[in-house]
Amino acid sequence: MVIRRIMRSNTKEARILGLQVGPPLPAADTPAACPLCGRALIPGPSTDEHHLTPRSHGGKEKFLVHKICHQKIHRTIAEKDLARRYNSWQALAEHPEIQAFIHWVRKRPPEFMP
């Protein structure tokens, strides 16, 4: 589904036309950012999918992250703790080991894989 946005002062007219009012959407070629480290996501072998709540604990929603970020999350935090305490990006970023990792990995290129 394509959503078109327009900048108009007359929002009633926009609703009648079925348009969404607001700032323009980013260009399609703008790379997405990793929700953990904030670096650009380049499609390919350096990306992976992560469930904030593990699937074994009922998690369904998937997020695209760098493979190295995904590995660090699962090597550092047990699934039980991911489900109970670290089930948001903010909570993950507050974990001391993850904070140090984010500081380190932000200096690496987006495609970086050890």
Protein backbone atom coordinates (compact mmCIF):
# COMPACT_ATOMS: atom_id res chain seq x y z
CA MET A 1 0.00 0.00 0.00
CA VAL A 2 1.34 3.42 -0.95
CA ILE A 3 0.69 6.37 1.34
CA ARG A 4 0.99 9.80 -0.21
CA ARG A 5 1.64 12.78 2.00
CA ILE A 6 1.02 16.41 1.21
CA MET A 7 1.68 19.68 2.97
CA ARG A 8 -1.59 21.56 3.10
CA SER A 9 -3.22 23.98 5.43
CA ASN A 10 -6.66 22.59 4.56
CA THR A 11 -6.69 19.18 6.27
CA LYS A 12 -10.41 18.71 5.56
CA GLU A 13 -9.67 18.73 1.83
CA ALA A 14 -6.85 16.23 2.36
CA ARG A 15 -9.15 13.87 4.28
CA ILE A 16 -11.75 14.09 1.52
CA LEU A 17 -9.07 13.20 -1.03
CA GLY A 18 -7.83 10.37 1.20
CA LEU A 19 -4.37 11.87 1.58
CA GLN A 20 -2.24 11.88 4.70
CA VAL A 21 -1.14 15.33 5.84
CA GLY A 22 2.36 15.74 7.19
CA PRO A 23 5.99 16.07 6.22
CA PRO A 24 7.16 14.23 3.13
CA LEU A 25 8.14 10.60 3.56
CA PRO A 26 11.85 9.77 3.21
CA ALA A 27 13.04 8.77 -0.23
CA ALA A 28 12.82 5.05 -1.00
CA ASP A 29 16.60 4.81 -1.35
CA THR A 30 17.17 6.15 2.18
CA PRO A 31 18.63 3.24 4.18
CA ALA A 32 16.88 2.21 7.37
CA ALA A 33 18.77 2.45 10.65
CA CYS A 34 19.50 -0.37 13.09
CA PRO A 35 17.29 0.16 16.15
CA LEU A 36 20.13 -0.86 18.47
CA CYS A 37 23.24 0.93 17.18
CA GLY A 38 21.68 3.52 14.85
CA ARG A 39 23.98 2.72 11.90
CA ALA A 40 22.52 2.35 8.41
CA LEU A 41 21.22 -1.10 7.46
CA ILE A 42 22.60 -2.35 4.15
CA PRO A 43 20.54 -5.31 2.84
CA GLY A 44 22.59 -8.47 2.61
CA PRO A 45 24.61 -10.78 4.83
CA SER A 46 25.30 -8.11 7.47
CA THR A 47 21.60 -7.91 8.50
CA ASP A 48 19.41 -10.22 10.54
CA GLU A 49 15.91 -10.27 12.08
CA HIS A 50 15.37 -9.94 15.84
CA HIS A 51 12.25 -10.52 17.96
CA LEU A 52 12.24 -8.11 20.92
CA THR A 53 10.24 -10.70 22.83
CA PRO A 54 11.68 -14.13 21.98
CA ARG A 55 9.44 -16.41 19.93
CA SER A 56 9.66 -18.99 22.72
CA HIS A 57 7.91 -16.42 24.94
CA GLY A 58 5.22 -15.47 22.42
CA GLY A 59 7.08 -12.79 20.45
CA LYS A 60 5.89 -12.21 16.91
CA GLU A 61 7.09 -8.78 15.80
CA LYS A 62 10.43 -8.85 13.93
CA PHE A 63 12.93 -6.03 13.48
CA LEU A 64 15.82 -5.79 11.04
CA VAL A 65 19.16 -5.32 12.84
CA HIS A 66 22.84 -5.80 12.06
CA LYS A 67 23.94 -9.42 12.45
CA ILE A 68 26.71 -8.34 14.85
CA CYS A 69 24.16 -6.45 17.01
CA HIS A 70 21.84 -9.47 17.02
CA GLN A 71 24.67 -11.79 18.05
CA LYS A 72 25.71 -9.46 20.88
CA ILE A 73 22.16 -9.32 22.25
CA HIS A 74 21.83 -13.11 22.40
CA ARG A 75 25.37 -13.72 23.69
CA THR A 76 24.88 -11.20 26.49
CA ILE A 77 21.29 -11.65 27.69
CA ALA A 78 19.37 -14.89 28.34
CA GLU A 79 16.04 -15.36 26.53
CA LYS A 80 14.15 -15.31 29.83
CA ASP A 81 15.65 -11.90 30.65
CA LEU A 82 14.98 -10.64 27.12
CA ALA A 83 11.30 -11.52 27.56
CA ARG A 84 10.95 -10.08 31.07
CA ARG A 85 13.23 -7.07 31.29
CA TYR A 86 14.89 -6.27 27.97
CA ASN A 87 11.89 -6.32 25.62
CA SER A 88 12.32 -2.77 24.30
CA TRP A 89 15.15 -1.08 22.43
CA GLN A 90 15.54 1.46 25.23
CA ALA A 91 15.89 -1.27 27.87
CA LEU A 92 18.45 -3.11 25.72
CA ALA A 93 20.47 0.08 25.22
CA GLU A 94 20.57 0.60 29.01
CA HIS A 95 22.28 -2.76 29.66
CA PRO A 96 25.93 -1.97 30.60
CA GLU A 97 27.54 -4.50 28.22
CA ILE A 98 25.25 -3.46 25.36
CA GLN A 99 26.09 0.22 26.02
CA ALA A 100 29.80 -0.52 25.69
CA PHE A 101 29.14 -2.55 22.54
CA ILE A 102 27.08 0.25 20.95
CA HIS A 103 29.88 2.74 21.69
CA TRP A 104 32.39 0.38 20.04
CA VAL A 105 30.32 -0.70 17.01
CA ARG A 106 29.25 2.83 16.01
CA LYS A 107 32.84 3.41 14.88
CA ARG A 108 32.56 0.52 12.40
CA PRO A 109 31.12 0.66 8.85
CA PRO A 110 27.50 -0.55 8.43
CA GLU A 111 28.56 -3.76 6.63
CA PHE A 112 31.09 -4.68 9.37
CA MET A 113 31.11 -8.38 10.26
CA PRO A 114 33.87 -9.89 12.42
